[in-house]
Protein backbone atom coordinates (compact mmCIF):
# COMPACT_ATOMS: atom_id res chain seq x y z
CA MET A 1 0.00 0.00 0.00
CA ILE A 2 1.16 3.55 -0.72
CA VAL A 3 0.69 5.72 2.37
CA GLY A 4 1.11 9.49 2.34
CA TYR A 5 2.07 12.00 5.02
CA GLY A 6 1.62 15.76 4.74
CA ARG A 7 2.25 18.52 7.27
CA THR A 8 2.23 22.28 7.56
CA SER A 9 3.23 24.29 10.60
CA GLY A 10 -0.13 25.92 11.27
CA ALA A 11 -3.71 26.58 10.31
CA ALA A 12 -2.71 29.62 8.25
CA GLN A 13 -0.99 27.30 5.76
CA VAL A 14 -4.12 25.52 4.53
CA ALA A 15 -3.20 26.04 0.85
CA GLY A 16 0.22 24.46 1.46
CA LEU A 17 -1.35 21.38 3.03
CA GLU A 18 -3.89 21.11 0.21
CA ALA A 19 -1.04 21.28 -2.34
CA GLN A 20 0.83 18.50 -0.53
CA GLU A 21 -2.29 16.34 -0.39
CA ARG A 22 -2.88 16.91 -4.12
CA ASP A 23 0.73 15.93 -4.96
CA LEU A 24 0.57 12.87 -2.71
CA ARG A 25 -2.67 11.65 -4.28
CA ALA A 26 -1.16 12.21 -7.75
CA ALA A 27 1.73 9.98 -6.63
CA GLY A 28 -0.74 7.14 -6.03
CA VAL A 29 -1.26 7.49 -2.28
CA GLU A 30 -4.11 5.26 -1.12
CA ARG A 31 -4.16 6.23 2.58
CA LEU A 32 -3.30 9.79 3.61
CA PHE A 33 -2.26 11.10 7.01
CA SER A 34 -1.95 14.88 7.36
CA GLU A 35 -1.77 17.47 10.09
CA GLN A 36 -1.18 21.13 10.85
CA VAL A 37 1.40 21.20 13.61
CA SER A 38 4.86 22.64 14.13
CA ALA A 39 7.71 20.21 13.54
CA LEU A 40 8.57 20.75 17.20
CA GLY A 41 5.04 19.83 18.32
CA VAL A 42 3.56 16.39 18.84
CA ARG A 43 3.05 14.95 15.36
CA GLU A 44 0.16 12.59 16.01
CA ALA A 45 -0.63 11.92 12.34
CA LEU A 46 3.01 11.00 11.68
CA ALA A 47 2.97 8.60 14.64
CA ALA A 48 -0.26 7.11 13.30
CA ALA A 49 1.22 6.73 9.80
CA LEU A 50 4.35 5.04 11.17
CA ASP A 51 2.16 2.69 13.20
CA PHE A 52 -0.15 2.00 10.23
CA VAL A 53 2.46 1.01 7.61
CA ARG A 54 3.29 -2.66 7.15
CA GLU A 55 6.00 -4.64 5.40
CA GLY A 56 6.00 -3.93 1.66
CA ASP A 57 4.27 -0.54 2.05
CA VAL A 58 5.69 2.75 0.82
CA LEU A 59 5.48 5.95 2.87
CA VAL A 60 5.47 9.06 0.68
CA ALA A 61 6.12 12.69 1.66
CA THR A 62 6.57 15.72 -0.59
CA LYS A 63 9.73 17.09 1.06
CA PRO A 64 12.09 15.97 3.85
CA ASP A 65 11.23 18.97 6.05
CA ARG A 66 7.52 18.08 5.92
CA LEU A 67 8.40 14.68 7.42
CA ALA A 68 11.28 15.33 9.82
CA ARG A 69 12.52 18.12 12.09
CA SER A 70 16.23 17.42 11.51
CA VAL A 71 18.58 15.09 9.65
CA ALA A 72 18.83 12.94 12.80
CA ASP A 73 15.02 12.77 13.01
CA LEU A 74 14.83 11.89 9.31
CA LEU A 75 17.34 9.08 9.73
CA ALA A 76 15.47 7.80 12.81
CA ILE A 77 12.23 7.71 10.79
CA VAL A 78 14.02 5.88 7.96
CA GLY A 79 15.40 3.40 10.53
CA THR A 80 11.91 2.77 11.91
CA LEU A 81 10.55 2.22 8.41
CA GLU A 82 13.41 -0.10 7.42
CA ARG A 83 12.85 -2.25 10.52
CA LYS A 84 9.23 -2.63 9.41
CA GLY A 85 10.20 -3.42 5.81
CA VAL A 86 8.71 -0.13 4.55
CA THR A 87 10.24 2.09 1.86
CA LEU A 88 10.28 5.88 2.11
CA ARG A 89 9.77 8.00 -1.01
CA ILE A 90 10.29 11.79 -1.11
CA LEU A 91 8.80 13.60 -4.13
CA SER A 92 10.82 16.84 -4.04
CA MET A 93 13.61 16.02 -6.51
CA GLY A 94 12.33 17.91 -9.55
CA GLY A 95 9.95 15.22 -10.72
CA GLN A 96 12.21 12.32 -9.73
CA ALA A 97 11.44 10.80 -6.34
CA VAL A 98 14.05 9.70 -3.83
CA ASP A 99 13.37 6.12 -2.81
CA THR A 100 15.07 4.43 0.18
CA SER A 101 14.75 0.99 -1.36
CA THR A 102 18.09 1.62 -3.13
CA PRO A 103 21.53 2.59 -1.71
CA THR A 104 21.56 5.65 -4.01
CA GLY A 105 18.13 6.67 -2.74
CA ARG A 106 19.26 6.40 0.89
CA LEU A 107 22.35 8.52 0.13
CA MET A 108 20.27 11.13 -1.71
CA LEU A 109 17.77 11.28 1.14
CA THR A 110 20.53 11.88 3.69
CA MET A 111 21.97 14.63 1.48
CA LEU A 112 18.52 16.16 0.96
CA GLY A 113 17.89 16.17 4.69
CA ALA A 114 21.26 17.85 5.33
CA VAL A 115 20.57 20.53 2.71
CA ALA A 116 17.09 21.17 4.14
CA ALA A 117 18.55 21.53 7.66
CA PHE A 118 21.26 23.88 6.33
CA GLU A 119 18.66 26.04 4.55
CA ARG A 120 16.56 26.21 7.71
CA ASP A 121 19.58 27.22 9.79
CA LEU A 122 20.42 29.98 7.29
CA MET A 123 16.83 31.22 7.35
CA LEU A 124 16.81 31.30 11.16
CA GLU A 125 20.14 33.13 11.20
CA ARG A 126 18.78 35.78 8.81
CA GLN A 127 15.66 36.05 10.96
CA ARG A 128 17.74 36.58 14.12
CA GLU A 129 19.81 39.23 12.34
CA GLY A 130 16.64 41.01 11.19
CA ILE A 131 15.20 40.96 14.70
CA ALA A 132 18.45 42.30 16.17
CA LYS A 133 18.48 45.13 13.62
CA ALA A 134 14.81 45.96 14.25
CA LYS A 135 15.43 45.98 18.03
CA ALA A 136 18.42 48.30 17.58
CA GLU A 137 16.22 50.66 15.54
CA GLY A 138 13.38 50.45 18.09
CA ARG A 139 10.99 48.83 15.60
CA TYR A 140 10.73 45.31 17.08
CA LYS A 141 7.57 44.59 19.02
CA GLY A 142 7.79 40.80 19.19
CA ARG A 143 5.25 38.25 18.13
CA ALA A 144 1.76 38.34 19.58
CA PRO A 145 0.89 35.08 21.36
CA THR A 146 -1.44 33.58 18.77
CA ALA A 147 -2.89 30.72 20.80
CA ARG A 148 -3.91 32.95 23.75
CA ARG A 149 -6.11 35.00 21.42
CA ARG A 150 -8.21 31.87 20.92
CA LEU A 151 -9.09 31.48 24.63
CA GLY A 152 -12.77 32.34 24.08
CA GLU A 153 -13.06 29.74 21.31
CA VAL A 154 -11.24 27.13 23.43
CA LEU A 155 -13.59 27.70 26.38
CA ALA A 156 -16.67 27.67 24.15
CA LEU A 157 -15.68 24.33 22.59
CA ARG A 158 -14.81 22.90 26.00
CA GLY A 159 -18.24 24.02 27.18
CA GLU A 160 -19.68 21.86 24.38
CA ASN A 161 -17.76 18.87 25.85
CA VAL A 162 -15.21 18.84 23.01
CA GLY A 163 -11.95 17.23 24.16
CA PRO A 164 -8.61 19.09 24.18
CA ALA A 165 -7.15 17.15 21.23
CA GLU A 166 -10.18 17.91 19.07
CA ILE A 167 -10.16 21.58 20.17
CA ALA A 168 -6.50 21.80 19.12
CA ARG A 169 -7.26 20.19 15.77
CA ARG A 170 -10.25 22.43 15.04
CA LEU A 171 -8.45 25.65 15.98
CA GLY A 172 -5.05 24.73 14.53
CA ILE A 173 -3.18 25.21 17.81
CA SER A 174 -1.15 22.79 19.91
CA ARG A 175 -2.71 20.53 22.51
CA SER A 176 -0.27 21.89 25.09
CA SER A 177 -1.64 25.41 24.44
CA VAL A 178 -5.20 24.14 24.88
CA HIS A 179 -4.29 22.38 28.15
CA ALA A 180 -2.47 25.50 29.43
CA MET A 181 -5.47 27.73 28.64
CA LEU A 182 -7.90 25.32 30.29
CA ARG A 183 -5.68 25.09 33.40
CA GLY A 184 -5.37 28.89 33.51
CA ALA A 185 -9.13 29.30 33.14
CA SER A 186 -9.83 26.82 35.96
CA ARG A 187 -7.54 28.77 38.32
CA ARG A 188 -9.34 32.08 37.78
CA PRO A 189 -11.46 33.28 40.68
CA ASP A 190 -15.19 32.68 40.50
CA PRO A 191 -16.74 35.81 38.97
CA GLY A 192 -19.53 35.53 41.53
CA GLY A 193 -16.90 36.02 44.23
CA GLY A 194 -18.46 33.51 46.60
CA ALA A 195 -16.95 30.32 47.90
CA THR A 196 -18.89 27.14 47.39
């Protein structure tokens, strides 16, 4: 069976996830796992895909950075798949997929992962430099905490007996943010002011 995995970092990247899903289906994917979560977050759909695949299956992703958070993570995923007898295929090589069923494919995948990590490091370095410059010029205000702005929606969904994992999925925020908001809300004093 050909199994696909797609991921974007957040809910704002819906078009990116749809593009990945389209490319994966065009590559013959029969079962698709996808999610909107930071690479540093808990990747539940990836865990489910790795659990689902069986010997002889192929796991397909569009790019190495959609699958793994680092070269070490990529190699760990490849190791897990190899132990299960599953091949990994990455579509991002200009129309020619990288396939771990061959020694050349495994070498190319390692090189691709290293290049992706290098590009990410360069991007983060440029970002840090831009922030430092903006701070020096008094223009840097920092990032607004995006999840906290969703507190009302989180509480409303919780009031409808929706579980934290489903709230996180619906709102495109992490489960840890949902749990933190719910804990914070439960610690607030009773607006009625009276003890029960």
